[in-house]
Every structure is written in C-alpha cells, then in structure tokens.
C-alpha cells in the first residue's frame, strides 16, 4: 500500500496560513488530514490523536502530494487519494523531535526524524497515522506545513524538497541494507557534514565512505551515487548544520532515556521473555 501514504505529506506545503500561530505554546496541537478521508475516518483519527475540539486542521490534497512527491516517487505509488494524517504538538524548548506512528509500513520513525531535522523542525511531538496500512511517505508534507504554521516560520521551498527526497531515498536504501542501518547512516553522514562541511565531491564521497565503513555497511556504486546526489543538494542549501547536529543528538538521547526508564526496561524484559519463550517452543518441537 505504498501508494496511499505517499499522499498526505507534500500537499500541505502549498497552503498559506490564514492567521499567525506564533503564539502557540507547549502542548498546543495542529492536525493535518487527508482530503479523501470519509467523515467517519476523520472523526476516528481526531479521536485517536486526542485532538481538542477547536484544533486547527489543515487539509492535504492529492494534487499537492503529486507536486511534492512526483520527483522522487512513481505516480502510480502516489495514487489518486489523500489519506494519511498527522498531528504535531508543540514540545518544551530544547526537548527535540519525537515521532510515533500507526499503520505506517515503509517509512520508519527514525526516517521521519532525520527528514524533519533537515527541514529545520525542532521541539515537537509528532504522531503520524492512517485508517489503513500505508507506506508513510505522504505524511512529511503535512507535518512540515503544520510546523510552519505553529512556529509562524516559512521553510524555504528547496529545503522542503530536500527533506522529501531524503525521506524517500532513506526508505529505498532501507529496502537493501535495513531500515535502522539506513536511518543511522544518513544521521551519521549529516553529523560529519555538520562537523566539517565538504567543499568538493571528493570530500563528500570520503565522508559517506567512512560513515558506511564505520557502520560495517557495504554500498553499491548506485547507492553511493544516490547518496552523493542527495548530500550534494543538502550541503549547498541554507541549512543550519549546527541545529541539525544538535537535534540528532537530542533524538539519540531520547532513545537512550527511554531504554533507561522503567517503561523502557519493562519493554526490554518483555522482549527478552518473548525470545526465551520462542526458543523454548522450538526446543520442545525437537524434543518430541
């Protein structure tokens, strides 16, 4: 179902805010909904998001999705309906970005975080969902637009395009080397660029090669070229690389804090018990 969620992400970028939301504060929410959702589906998603009755809603159209995704994804995958939706909640200053998803099958939480950091998003809690399983590529546009409205800040068009391209390329790379490896590799390359921005193709290639080697990842020449194309675009944009590095570290710290928390420890214990039970079940089969 990769074609459905390719729908919600890029359309919202075109809509101009009807009023300023610069006075939005921690805990305030703004929602994006796919234009082709039924009224029942809209109501269900708003309830799922715990959205207040007076929440600001932005509608995402399929036409807008094609405009922002058409360069990176086949039209057949984008489809003809805007379905996926998102909610962005203003977080405490300095808290970073956190992402949760439901019914998203291709784009991972870490991929969203990476792309949103590139776009300049910070300090936000983001929830991405759809009434049916979808790929997830279409949600980014709505999130970026919601952030623009909530922060009363316009993100340059070329930066939005780069964030969209990054998300799609990372997801495609994940099909070959694994989702976690792909997202981690992109984050590592961006951190290295933030430390010492390359000025030549040779320097950029060296950064990508070293990052992949450090992670034990072998890239094909085609994968290398796609990453070169992406990061050549990124390094030439007006991106705040210090903020990028800072937000990446905050996102990494959130994962660490979760694993160290009671909730995280409980999750790890349940995961451990699951594998113990699985191994015991396999042993019992061979014992018969």
C-alpha atoms as a PDB file:
ATOM      1  CA  UNK A   1       0.000   0.000   0.000  1.00  0.00           C
ATOM      2  CA  UNK A   2       2.945   2.331  -0.556  1.00  0.00           C
ATOM      3  CA  UNK A   3       0.842   4.458  -2.824  1.00  0.00           C
ATOM      4  CA  UNK A   4      -1.636   5.740  -0.240  1.00  0.00           C
ATOM      5  CA  UNK A   5       0.573   7.384   2.384  1.00  0.00           C
ATOM      6  CA  UNK A   6       2.622   8.918  -0.380  1.00  0.00           C
ATOM      7  CA  UNK A   7      -0.334  11.250  -0.358  1.00  0.00           C
ATOM      8  CA  UNK A   8      -0.511  13.348   2.802  1.00  0.00           C
ATOM      9  CA  UNK A   9       2.965  14.688   3.133  1.00  0.00           C
ATOM     10  CA  UNK A  10       3.611  17.101   0.322  1.00  0.00           C
ATOM     11  CA  UNK A  11       0.300  18.757  -0.295  1.00  0.00           C
ATOM     12  CA  UNK A  12       0.013  20.860   2.799  1.00  0.00           C
ATOM     13  CA  UNK A  13       3.153  22.828   1.975  1.00  0.00           C
ATOM     14  CA  UNK A  14       1.241  24.903  -0.547  1.00  0.00           C
ATOM     15  CA  UNK A  15      -1.436  26.213   1.753  1.00  0.00           C
ATOM     16  CA  UNK A  16      -0.729  29.641   3.195  1.00  0.00           C
ATOM     17  CA  UNK A  17      -1.617  30.144   6.865  1.00  0.00           C
ATOM     18  CA  UNK A  18      -4.813  32.134   7.264  1.00  0.00           C
ATOM     19  CA  UNK A  19      -3.560  33.620  10.506  1.00  0.00           C
ATOM     20  CA  UNK A  20      -0.447  33.689  12.659  1.00  0.00           C
ATOM     21  CA  UNK A  21       0.137  30.877  15.136  1.00  0.00           C
ATOM     22  CA  UNK A  22       3.302  32.357  16.617  1.00  0.00           C
ATOM     23  CA  UNK A  23       1.558  32.454  19.990  1.00  0.00           C
ATOM     24  CA  UNK A  24       1.156  28.658  20.107  1.00  0.00           C
ATOM     25  CA  UNK A  25       2.753  27.277  23.257  1.00  0.00           C
ATOM     26  CA  UNK A  26       3.880  23.968  24.695  1.00  0.00           C
ATOM     27  CA  UNK A  27       1.097  21.394  24.459  1.00  0.00           C
ATOM     28  CA  UNK A  28      -0.786  23.095  21.611  1.00  0.00           C
ATOM     29  CA  UNK A  29      -1.629  20.856  18.644  1.00  0.00           C
ATOM     30  CA  UNK A  30      -2.213  21.295  14.921  1.00  0.00           C
ATOM     31  CA  UNK A  31      -3.570  18.490  12.703  1.00  0.00           C
ATOM     32  CA  UNK A  32      -3.330  17.553   9.021  1.00  0.00           C
ATOM     33  CA  UNK A  33      -5.991  15.331   7.433  1.00  0.00           C
ATOM     34  CA  UNK A  34      -6.098  13.709   4.011  1.00  0.00           C
ATOM     35  CA  UNK A  35      -8.700  15.299   1.747  1.00  0.00           C
ATOM     36  CA  UNK A  36     -10.205  11.953   0.709  1.00  0.00           C
ATOM     37  CA  UNK A  37     -10.913  10.626   4.187  1.00  0.00           C
ATOM     38  CA  UNK A  38     -14.572   9.961   4.926  1.00  0.00           C
ATOM     39  CA  UNK A  39     -16.184  11.996   7.686  1.00  0.00           C
ATOM     40  CA  UNK A  40     -16.214   8.889   9.840  1.00  0.00           C
ATOM     41  CA  UNK A  41     -12.493   8.327   9.239  1.00  0.00           C
ATOM     42  CA  UNK A  42     -11.703  11.968  10.046  1.00  0.00           C
ATOM     43  CA  UNK A  43     -13.642  11.740  13.289  1.00  0.00           C
ATOM     44  CA  UNK A  44     -11.917   8.484  14.195  1.00  0.00           C
ATOM     45  CA  UNK A  45      -8.426   9.873  13.551  1.00  0.00           C
ATOM     46  CA  UNK A  46      -9.104  13.033  15.560  1.00  0.00           C
ATOM     47  CA  UNK A  47     -10.235  10.888  18.474  1.00  0.00           C
ATOM     48  CA  UNK A  48      -7.156   8.690  18.069  1.00  0.00           C
ATOM     49  CA  UNK A  49      -4.940  11.804  18.163  1.00  0.00           C
ATOM     50  CA  UNK A  50      -6.695  13.095  21.306  1.00  0.00           C
ATOM     51  CA  UNK A  51      -7.223  16.313  19.382  1.00  0.00           C
ATOM     52  CA  UNK A  52      -9.145  19.098  21.163  1.00  0.00           C
ATOM     53  CA  UNK A  53     -12.477  20.189  19.682  1.00  0.00           C
ATOM     54  CA  UNK A  54     -11.047  23.508  18.496  1.00  0.00           C
ATOM     55  CA  UNK A  55      -7.830  22.072  16.989  1.00  0.00           C
ATOM     56  CA  UNK A  56      -6.567  23.788  13.843  1.00  0.00           C
ATOM     57  CA  UNK A  57      -6.937  21.400  10.871  1.00  0.00           C
ATOM     58  CA  UNK A  58      -5.091  21.570   7.547  1.00  0.00           C
ATOM     59  CA  UNK A  59      -6.387  19.566   4.586  1.00  0.00           C
ATOM     60  CA  UNK A  60      -3.950  17.751   2.301  1.00  0.00           C
ATOM     61  CA  UNK A  61      -4.913  17.180  -1.349  1.00  0.00           C
ATOM     62  CA  UNK A  62      -3.710  14.503  -3.745  1.00  0.00           C
ATOM     63  CA  UNK A  63      -2.736  17.175  -6.272  1.00  0.00           C
ATOM     64  CA  UNK A  64      -0.360  18.758  -3.773  1.00  0.00           C
ATOM     65  CA  UNK A  65       1.114  15.361  -2.954  1.00  0.00           C
ATOM     66  CA  UNK A  66       1.937  14.730  -6.589  1.00  0.00           C
ATOM     67  CA  UNK A  67       3.624  18.118  -6.815  1.00  0.00           C
ATOM     68  CA  UNK A  68       5.957  17.425  -3.900  1.00  0.00           C
ATOM     69  CA  UNK A  69       6.494  13.686  -4.338  1.00  0.00           C
ATOM     70  CA  UNK A  70       6.449  13.354  -8.116  1.00  0.00           C
ATOM     71  CA  UNK A  71      10.193  13.946  -8.442  1.00  0.00           C
ATOM     72  CA  UNK A  72      11.082  11.093  -6.117  1.00  0.00           C
ATOM     73  CA  UNK A  73       8.281   8.515  -6.294  1.00  0.00           C
ATOM     74  CA  UNK A  74       6.446   6.975  -9.243  1.00  0.00           C
ATOM     75  CA  UNK A  75       2.998   8.477  -9.823  1.00  0.00           C
ATOM     76  CA  UNK A  76       1.494   5.012  -9.581  1.00  0.00           C
ATOM     77  CA  UNK A  77       2.718   4.798  -5.990  1.00  0.00           C
ATOM     78  CA  UNK A  78       1.298   8.188  -5.054  1.00  0.00           C
ATOM     79  CA  UNK A  79      -2.118   7.131  -6.255  1.00  0.00           C
ATOM     80  CA  UNK A  80      -5.258   9.238  -6.516  1.00  0.00           C
ATOM     81  CA  UNK A  81      -6.380   9.776  -2.918  1.00  0.00           C
ATOM     82  CA  UNK A  82      -5.015  11.698   0.066  1.00  0.00           C
ATOM     83  CA  UNK A  83      -5.462   9.523   3.151  1.00  0.00           C
ATOM     84  CA  UNK A  84      -2.662   9.764   5.700  1.00  0.00           C
ATOM     85  CA  UNK A  85      -2.763  12.279   8.518  1.00  0.00           C
ATOM     86  CA  UNK A  86      -0.615  13.733  11.245  1.00  0.00           C
ATOM     87  CA  UNK A  87      -0.662  15.724  14.449  1.00  0.00           C
ATOM     88  CA  UNK A  88       2.121  17.981  15.651  1.00  0.00           C
ATOM     89  CA  UNK A  89       2.222  19.086  19.282  1.00  0.00           C
ATOM     90  CA  UNK A  90       4.492  21.880  20.474  1.00  0.00           C
ATOM     91  CA  UNK A  91       7.096  20.460  22.862  1.00  0.00           C
ATOM     92  CA  UNK A  92       9.226  22.133  25.509  1.00  0.00           C
ATOM     93  CA  UNK A  93      12.133  24.223  24.165  1.00  0.00           C
ATOM     94  CA  UNK A  94      15.238  22.106  23.821  1.00  0.00           C
ATOM     95  CA  UNK A  95      13.380  18.788  24.001  1.00  0.00           C
ATOM     96  CA  UNK A  96      13.979  17.805  20.364  1.00  0.00           C
ATOM     97  CA  UNK A  97      11.765  15.814  17.998  1.00  0.00           C
ATOM     98  CA  UNK A  98       9.878  12.626  18.842  1.00  0.00           C
ATOM     99  CA  UNK A  99       7.814  10.611  16.359  1.00  0.00           C
ATOM    100  CA  UNK A 100       5.193   7.900  16.821  1.00  0.00           C
ATOM    101  CA  UNK A 101       3.311   6.157  14.035  1.00  0.00           C
ATOM    102  CA  UNK A 102       0.382   3.824  13.426  1.00  0.00           C
ATOM    103  CA  UNK A 103      -0.390   1.899  10.222  1.00  0.00           C
ATOM    104  CA  UNK A 104       2.870   3.117   8.642  1.00  0.00           C
ATOM    105  CA  UNK A 105       4.623   0.283   6.816  1.00  0.00           C
ATOM    106  CA  UNK A 106       7.638   1.708   4.940  1.00  0.00           C
ATOM    107  CA  UNK A 107       8.933   4.950   6.437  1.00  0.00           C
ATOM    108  CA  UNK A 108      10.254   4.450   9.974  1.00  0.00           C
ATOM    109  CA  UNK A 109      10.164   6.851  12.913  1.00  0.00           C
ATOM    110  CA  UNK A 110      13.906   7.497  12.565  1.00  0.00           C
ATOM    111  CA  UNK A 111      13.498   8.352   8.877  1.00  0.00           C
ATOM    112  CA  UNK A 112      10.865  10.947   9.733  1.00  0.00           C
ATOM    113  CA  UNK A 113      13.090  12.411  12.438  1.00  0.00           C
ATOM    114  CA  UNK A 114      16.028  12.695  10.027  1.00  0.00           C
ATOM    115  CA  UNK A 115      13.980  14.388   7.310  1.00  0.00           C
ATOM    116  CA  UNK A 116      12.285  16.781   9.741  1.00  0.00           C
ATOM    117  CA  UNK A 117      15.643  17.769  11.206  1.00  0.00           C
ATOM    118  CA  UNK A 118      16.828  18.587   7.689  1.00  0.00           C
ATOM    119  CA  UNK A 119      13.738  20.754   7.202  1.00  0.00           C
ATOM    120  CA  UNK A 120      14.562  22.686  10.364  1.00  0.00           C
ATOM    121  CA  UNK A 121      11.811  21.284  12.569  1.00  0.00           C
ATOM    122  CA  UNK A 122      12.629  21.169  16.279  1.00  0.00           C
ATOM    123  CA  UNK A 123      10.999  20.687  19.656  1.00  0.00           C
ATOM    124  CA  UNK A 124       7.864  18.854  18.532  1.00  0.00           C
ATOM    125  CA  UNK A 125       5.943  15.675  19.323  1.00  0.00           C
ATOM    126  CA  UNK A 126       4.640  14.174  16.096  1.00  0.00           C
ATOM    127  CA  UNK A 127       2.060  11.459  15.513  1.00  0.00           C
ATOM    128  CA  UNK A 128       1.502  10.006  12.038  1.00  0.00           C
ATOM    129  CA  UNK A 129      -1.421   7.730  11.273  1.00  0.00           C
ATOM    130  CA  UNK A 130      -3.871   6.427   8.697  1.00  0.00           C
ATOM    131  CA  UNK A 131      -7.099   4.405   8.885  1.00  0.00           C
ATOM    132  CA  UNK A 132      -5.449   1.584   6.887  1.00  0.00           C
ATOM    133  CA  UNK A 133      -1.820   0.395   6.444  1.00  0.00           C
ATOM    134  CA  UNK A 134       0.098   2.770   4.148  1.00  0.00           C
ATOM    135  CA  UNK A 135       3.751   3.391   3.256  1.00  0.00           C
ATOM    136  CA  UNK A 136       4.127   6.675   5.112  1.00  0.00           C
ATOM    137  CA  UNK A 137       5.858   8.818   2.502  1.00  0.00           C
ATOM    138  CA  UNK A 138       2.985  11.256   2.168  1.00  0.00           C
ATOM    139  CA  UNK A 139       2.892  12.347   5.807  1.00  0.00           C
ATOM    140  CA  UNK A 140       6.002  14.552   5.744  1.00  0.00           C
ATOM    141  CA  UNK A 141       4.490  17.406   3.772  1.00  0.00           C
ATOM    142  CA  UNK A 142       1.651  17.849   6.200  1.00  0.00           C
ATOM    143  CA  UNK A 143       3.989  17.774   9.175  1.00  0.00           C
ATOM    144  CA  UNK A 144       6.268  20.417   7.681  1.00  0.00           C
ATOM    145  CA  UNK A 145       3.338  22.685   6.897  1.00  0.00           C
ATOM    146  CA  UNK A 146       1.896  22.208  10.366  1.00  0.00           C
ATOM    147  CA  UNK A 147       5.250  23.149  11.831  1.00  0.00           C
ATOM    148  CA  UNK A 148       5.430  26.233   9.632  1.00  0.00           C
ATOM    149  CA  UNK A 149       2.060  27.365  10.918  1.00  0.00           C
ATOM    150  CA  UNK A 150       2.714  26.512  14.558  1.00  0.00           C
ATOM    151  CA  UNK A 151       6.101  28.237  14.557  1.00  0.00           C
ATOM    152  CA  UNK A 152       4.973  31.047  12.225  1.00  0.00           C
ATOM    153  CA  UNK A 153       8.068  30.318  10.162  1.00  0.00           C
ATOM    154  CA  UNK A 154       8.416  29.701   6.427  1.00  0.00           C
ATOM    155  CA  UNK A 155      10.728  26.879   5.438  1.00  0.00           C
ATOM    156  CA  UNK A 156      12.443  27.516   2.062  1.00  0.00           C
ATOM    157  CA  UNK A 157      10.983  25.510  -0.802  1.00  0.00           C
ATOM    158  CA  UNK A 158      14.309  23.907  -1.728  1.00  0.00           C
ATOM    159  CA  UNK A 159      14.786  22.732   1.855  1.00  0.00           C
ATOM    160  CA  UNK A 160      11.317  21.121   1.842  1.00  0.00           C
ATOM    161  CA  UNK A 161      12.141  19.352  -1.410  1.00  0.00           C
ATOM    162  CA  UNK A 162      15.436  18.127   0.039  1.00  0.00           C
ATOM    163  CA  UNK A 163      13.700  16.768   3.149  1.00  0.00           C
ATOM    164  CA  UNK A 164      11.201  14.914   0.968  1.00  0.00           C
ATOM    165  CA  UNK A 165      13.977  13.476  -1.173  1.00  0.00           C
ATOM    166  CA  UNK A 166      15.925  12.440   1.911  1.00  0.00           C
ATOM    167  CA  UNK A 167      12.964  10.545   3.346  1.00  0.00           C
ATOM    168  CA  UNK A 168      12.298   8.655   0.110  1.00  0.00           C
ATOM    169  CA  UNK A 169      15.961   7.850  -0.543  1.00  0.00           C
ATOM    170  CA  UNK A 170      16.435   6.609   3.023  1.00  0.00           C
ATOM    171  CA  UNK A 171      13.390   4.356   2.726  1.00  0.00           C
ATOM    172  CA  UNK A 172      14.675   2.958  -0.589  1.00  0.00           C
ATOM    173  CA  UNK A 173      18.116   2.376   0.923  1.00  0.00           C
ATOM    174  CA  UNK A 174      16.427   0.662   3.851  1.00  0.00           C
ATOM    175  CA  UNK A 175      14.959  -1.897   1.474  1.00  0.00           C
ATOM    176  CA  UNK A 176      18.530  -3.057   0.773  1.00  0.00           C
ATOM    177  CA  UNK A 177      20.517  -2.546   3.984  1.00  0.00           C
ATOM    178  CA  UNK A 178      17.763  -2.475   6.598  1.00  0.00           C
ATOM    179  CA  UNK A 179      15.662   0.394   7.909  1.00  0.00           C
ATOM    180  CA  UNK A 180      17.716   1.007  11.046  1.00  0.00           C
ATOM    181  CA  UNK A 181      21.017   0.912   9.169  1.00  0.00           C
ATOM    182  CA  UNK A 182      19.736   3.324   6.523  1.00  0.00           C
ATOM    183  CA  UNK A 183      18.424   5.884   9.023  1.00  0.00           C
ATOM    184  CA  UNK A 184      21.548   5.611  11.176  1.00  0.00           C
ATOM    185  CA  UNK A 185      23.836   6.023   8.160  1.00  0.00           C
ATOM    186  CA  UNK A 186      22.019   9.159   6.997  1.00  0.00           C
ATOM    187  CA  UNK A 187      22.203  10.633  10.503  1.00  0.00           C
ATOM    188  CA  UNK A 188      25.917   9.833  10.781  1.00  0.00           C
ATOM    189  CA  UNK A 189      26.703  11.444   7.428  1.00  0.00           C
ATOM    190  CA  UNK A 190      24.802  14.580   8.437  1.00  0.00           C
ATOM    191  CA  UNK A 191      26.710  14.746  11.715  1.00  0.00           C
ATOM    192  CA  UNK A 192      30.006  14.544   9.843  1.00  0.00           C
ATOM    193  CA  UNK A 193      28.890  17.261   7.424  1.00  0.00           C
ATOM    194  CA  UNK A 194      27.933  19.430  10.407  1.00  0.00           C
ATOM    195  CA  UNK A 195      31.424  18.995  11.864  1.00  0.00           C
ATOM    196  CA  UNK A 196      33.302  19.761   8.667  1.00  0.00           C
ATOM    197  CA  UNK A 197      31.244  20.769   5.656  1.00  0.00           C
ATOM    198  CA  UNK A 198      32.799  19.275   2.492  1.00  0.00           C
ATOM    199  CA  UNK A 199      33.673  21.653  -0.309  1.00  0.00           C
ATOM    200  CA  UNK A 200      34.355  19.106  -3.069  1.00  0.00           C
ATOM    201  CA  UNK A 201      32.764  15.916  -4.345  1.00  0.00           C
ATOM    202  CA  UNK A 202      35.852  14.001  -3.257  1.00  0.00           C
ATOM    203  CA  UNK A 203      35.494  15.223   0.330  1.00  0.00           C
ATOM    204  CA  UNK A 204      31.795  14.379   0.367  1.00  0.00           C
ATOM    205  CA  UNK A 205      32.413  10.906  -1.006  1.00  0.00           C
ATOM    206  CA  UNK A 206      35.097  10.329   1.618  1.00  0.00           C
ATOM    207  CA  UNK A 207      32.619  11.245   4.374  1.00  0.00           C
ATOM    208  CA  UNK A 208      29.998   8.835   3.024  1.00  0.00           C
ATOM    209  CA  UNK A 209      32.535   6.026   2.563  1.00  0.00           C
ATOM    210  CA  UNK A 210      33.921   6.462   6.083  1.00  0.00           C
ATOM    211  CA  UNK A 211      30.461   6.578   7.656  1.00  0.00           C
ATOM    212  CA  UNK A 212      29.454   3.384   5.847  1.00  0.00           C
ATOM    213  CA  UNK A 213      32.727   1.656   6.767  1.00  0.00           C
ATOM    214  CA  UNK A 214      32.404   2.634  10.437  1.00  0.00           C
ATOM    215  CA  UNK A 215      28.948   1.032  10.469  1.00  0.00           C
ATOM    216  CA  UNK A 216      30.030  -2.079   8.588  1.00  0.00           C
ATOM    217  CA  UNK A 217      27.810  -1.223   5.619  1.00  0.00           C
ATOM    218  CA  UNK A 218      28.809  -2.001   2.037  1.00  0.00           C
ATOM    219  CA  UNK A 219      27.231   0.336  -0.502  1.00  0.00           C
ATOM    220  CA  UNK A 220      26.816  -0.422  -4.186  1.00  0.00           C
ATOM    221  CA  UNK A 221      28.020   2.201  -6.642  1.00  0.00           C
ATOM    222  CA  UNK A 222      24.401   3.062  -7.424  1.00  0.00           C
ATOM    223  CA  UNK A 223      23.639   3.578  -3.723  1.00  0.00           C
ATOM    224  CA  UNK A 224      26.764   5.680  -3.348  1.00  0.00           C
ATOM    225  CA  UNK A 225      25.769   7.865  -6.294  1.00  0.00           C
ATOM    226  CA  UNK A 226      22.250   8.373  -4.935  1.00  0.00           C
ATOM    227  CA  UNK A 227      23.694   9.436  -1.591  1.00  0.00           C
ATOM    228  CA  UNK A 228      26.146  11.726  -3.351  1.00  0.00           C
ATOM    229  CA  UNK A 229      23.290  13.362  -5.255  1.00  0.00           C
ATOM    230  CA  UNK A 230      21.258  13.820  -2.068  1.00  0.00           C
ATOM    231  CA  UNK A 231      24.032  15.245   0.078  1.00  0.00           C
ATOM    232  CA  UNK A 232      25.364  17.444  -2.714  1.00  0.00           C
ATOM    233  CA  UNK A 233      21.957  19.078  -2.671  1.00  0.00           C
ATOM    234  CA  UNK A 234      21.860  19.271   1.127  1.00  0.00           C
ATOM    235  CA  UNK A 235      25.304  20.763   1.586  1.00  0.00           C
ATOM    236  CA  UNK A 236      24.564  23.559  -0.883  1.00  0.00           C
ATOM    237  CA  UNK A 237      21.340  24.617   0.870  1.00  0.00           C
ATOM    238  CA  UNK A 238      20.913  27.207   3.574  1.00  0.00           C
ATOM    239  CA  UNK A 239      20.657  24.604   6.320  1.00  0.00           C
ATOM    240  CA  UNK A 240      21.616  25.316   9.920  1.00  0.00           C
ATOM    241  CA  UNK A 241      24.025  22.408  10.345  1.00  0.00           C
ATOM    242  CA  UNK A 242      24.701  23.207  13.998  1.00  0.00           C
ATOM    243  CA  UNK A 243      20.973  22.830  14.660  1.00  0.00           C
ATOM    244  CA  UNK A 244      20.938  19.613  12.624  1.00  0.00           C
ATOM    245  CA  UNK A 245      23.698  18.113  14.766  1.00  0.00           C
ATOM    246  CA  UNK A 246      22.029  19.296  17.979  1.00  0.00           C
ATOM    247  CA  UNK A 247      18.651  17.814  17.034  1.00  0.00           C
ATOM    248  CA  UNK A 248      20.240  14.489  16.027  1.00  0.00           C
ATOM    249  CA  UNK A 249      21.890  14.261  19.440  1.00  0.00           C
ATOM    250  CA  UNK A 250      18.606  15.087  21.176  1.00  0.00           C
ATOM    251  CA  UNK A 251      16.824  12.372  19.202  1.00  0.00           C
ATOM    252  CA  UNK A 252      19.533   9.853  20.125  1.00  0.00           C
ATOM    253  CA  UNK A 253      19.307  10.867  23.777  1.00  0.00           C
ATOM    254  CA  UNK A 254      15.546  10.300  23.747  1.00  0.00           C
ATOM    255  CA  UNK A 255      16.095   6.670  22.747  1.00  0.00           C
ATOM    256  CA  UNK A 256      18.719   6.226  25.475  1.00  0.00           C
ATOM    257  CA  UNK A 257      16.485   7.774  28.135  1.00  0.00           C
ATOM    258  CA  UNK A 258      13.587   5.541  27.103  1.00  0.00           C
ATOM    259  CA  UNK A 259      15.694   2.388  27.378  1.00  0.00           C
ATOM    260  CA  UNK A 260      16.927   3.502  30.811  1.00  0.00           C
ATOM    261  CA  UNK A 261      13.420   4.338  32.057  1.00  0.00           C
ATOM    262  CA  UNK A 262      11.094   1.946  33.880  1.00  0.00           C
ATOM    263  CA  UNK A 263       8.938   1.779  30.753  1.00  0.00           C
ATOM    264  CA  UNK A 264      11.954   1.010  28.588  1.00  0.00           C
ATOM    265  CA  UNK A 265      13.253  -1.638  30.977  1.00  0.00           C
ATOM    266  CA  UNK A 266       9.808  -3.227  31.051  1.00  0.00           C
ATOM    267  CA  UNK A 267       9.792  -3.287  27.254  1.00  0.00           C
ATOM    268  CA  UNK A 268      13.231  -4.924  27.132  1.00  0.00           C
ATOM    269  CA  UNK A 269      12.205  -7.511  29.730  1.00  0.00           C
ATOM    270  CA  UNK A 270       9.069  -8.384  27.759  1.00  0.00           C
ATOM    271  CA  UNK A 271      11.181  -8.672  24.605  1.00  0.00           C
ATOM    272  CA  UNK A 272      13.624 -10.929  26.434  1.00  0.00           C
ATOM    273  CA  UNK A 273      10.836 -13.155  27.740  1.00  0.00           C
ATOM    274  CA  UNK A 274       9.342 -13.387  24.256  1.00  0.00           C
ATOM    275  CA  UNK A 275      12.555 -14.758  22.794  1.00  0.00           C
ATOM    276  CA  UNK A 276      13.006 -17.131  25.730  1.00  0.00           C
ATOM    277  CA  UNK A 277       9.503 -18.478  25.127  1.00  0.00           C
ATOM    278  CA  UNK A 278      10.172 -18.751  21.411  1.00  0.00           C
ATOM    279  CA  UNK A 279      13.387 -20.711  21.969  1.00  0.00           C
ATOM    280  CA  UNK A 280      11.668 -22.999  24.482  1.00  0.00           C
ATOM    281  CA  UNK A 281       8.874 -23.645  21.979  1.00  0.00           C
ATOM    282  CA  UNK A 282      11.400 -24.550  19.271  1.00  0.00           C
ATOM    283  CA  UNK A 283      13.273 -26.842  21.671  1.00  0.00           C
ATOM    284  CA  UNK A 284      10.049 -28.619  22.585  1.00  0.00           C
ATOM    285  CA  UNK A 285       9.374 -29.374  18.927  1.00  0.00           C
ATOM    286  CA  UNK A 286      12.706 -31.130  18.516  1.00  0.00           C
ATOM    287  CA  UNK A 287      12.397 -32.898  21.863  1.00  0.00           C
ATOM    288  CA  UNK A 288       9.344 -34.839  20.681  1.00  0.00           C
END
